Protein backbone atom coordinates (compact mmCIF):
# COMPACT_ATOMS: atom_id res chain seq x y z
CA UNK A 1 150.49 -13.68 -20.77
CA UNK A 2 151.94 -12.89 -24.33
CA UNK A 3 152.75 -16.08 -26.58
CA UNK A 4 155.70 -14.25 -28.43
CA UNK A 5 158.80 -14.36 -26.85
CA UNK A 6 158.56 -10.80 -24.47
CA UNK A 7 156.12 -9.36 -22.81
CA UNK A 8 155.31 -5.51 -22.43
CA UNK A 9 155.30 -4.50 -18.29
CA UNK A 10 154.52 -1.38 -17.05
CA UNK A 11 156.43 -0.09 -13.93
CA UNK A 12 153.94 -0.79 -10.58
CA UNK A 13 156.40 0.19 -7.76
CA UNK A 14 159.46 1.99 -7.21
CA UNK A 15 161.54 1.51 -3.88
CA UNK A 16 164.90 1.60 -2.18
CA UNK A 17 166.25 -0.09 0.17
CA UNK A 18 169.40 0.46 2.92
CA UNK A 19 172.06 -1.29 0.75
CA UNK A 20 171.38 1.96 -1.41
CA UNK A 21 169.73 -0.80 -4.12
CA UNK A 22 166.98 0.75 -5.85
CA UNK A 23 163.84 -1.75 -6.19
CA UNK A 24 161.97 -1.43 -9.74
CA UNK A 25 159.32 -3.64 -9.75
CA UNK A 26 157.11 -4.12 -13.19
CA UNK A 27 154.14 -5.78 -14.04
CA UNK A 28 151.93 -6.96 -17.02
CA UNK A 29 148.08 -4.30 -17.51
CA UNK A 30 146.06 -7.45 -15.55
CA UNK A 31 148.79 -7.86 -12.55
CA UNK A 32 149.07 -11.78 -13.36
CA UNK A 33 152.82 -11.31 -13.86
CA UNK A 34 155.72 -9.26 -12.55
CA UNK A 35 159.21 -8.52 -13.15
CA UNK A 36 161.54 -7.65 -10.16
CA UNK A 37 165.06 -5.79 -10.81
CA UNK A 38 167.42 -4.59 -8.29
CA UNK A 39 169.86 -1.89 -9.34
CA UNK A 40 172.73 -0.32 -7.18
CA UNK A 41 171.75 3.55 -7.11
CA UNK A 42 175.48 4.54 -7.51
CA UNK A 43 175.66 2.13 -10.81
CA UNK A 44 172.60 3.74 -12.03
CA UNK A 45 174.38 7.04 -11.96
CA UNK A 46 177.56 6.27 -13.36
CA UNK A 47 176.09 4.63 -15.92
CA UNK A 48 173.35 7.28 -16.43
CA UNK A 49 170.75 4.74 -16.93
CA UNK A 50 166.96 5.55 -16.53
CA UNK A 51 164.02 4.54 -15.37
CA UNK A 52 161.06 4.10 -17.75
CA UNK A 53 157.26 3.40 -17.78
CA UNK A 54 157.57 0.49 -19.49
CA UNK A 55 160.03 -2.45 -20.63
CA UNK A 56 159.90 -5.72 -23.02
CA UNK A 57 161.18 -8.82 -21.04
CA UNK A 58 161.61 -11.85 -21.80
CA UNK A 59 157.53 -13.76 -21.27
CA UNK A 60 160.67 -17.01 -19.67
CA UNK A 61 161.55 -14.05 -16.40
CA UNK A 62 158.15 -13.66 -15.42
CA UNK A 63 157.08 -14.18 -12.16
CA UNK A 64 153.13 -14.53 -11.22
CA UNK A 65 151.38 -12.70 -9.13
CA UNK A 66 150.13 -15.16 -6.11
CA UNK A 67 148.30 -12.83 -3.79
CA UNK A 68 144.95 -11.20 -5.21
CA UNK A 69 145.14 -7.97 -3.40
CA UNK A 70 148.65 -7.45 -5.05
CA UNK A 71 147.56 -8.55 -8.31
CA UNK A 72 144.52 -5.95 -8.23
CA UNK A 73 147.43 -3.16 -7.17
CA UNK A 74 149.64 -3.90 -10.21
CA UNK A 75 146.95 -4.45 -12.26
CA UNK A 76 145.42 -0.47 -11.58
CA UNK A 77 149.04 1.10 -11.12
CA UNK A 78 150.16 -0.64 -14.44
CA UNK A 79 146.52 0.79 -15.85
CA UNK A 80 147.26 4.15 -15.07
CA UNK A 81 150.82 4.04 -16.22
CA UNK A 82 150.20 3.24 -19.30
CA UNK A 83 147.48 5.51 -19.36
CA UNK A 84 149.67 8.58 -18.45
CA UNK A 85 153.14 7.77 -20.30
CA UNK A 86 154.24 6.40 -23.71
CA UNK A 87 156.74 3.43 -22.46
CA UNK A 88 159.60 4.66 -23.16
CA UNK A 89 158.97 7.72 -20.66
CA UNK A 90 161.53 8.57 -17.90
CA UNK A 91 159.77 8.10 -14.73
């Protein structure tokens, strides 16, 4: 993880739940850390919020990914996203 105040994370998963929430999971390229965001779909629409390929988040807000298989999947997805998109691309 980065030693400065923020870390670049790439979108690795997007899902929806039965409460009309959009769940976004961003992870570090090595899959070691994640940041989960839950956003109301209606609020996103009203505010015209977009989902980007990557975000920079405060390092202190990241959670370690404990599961080895999940860490590997996140690393693969983050790498794929980074290779095919610029950070600010809407996805």
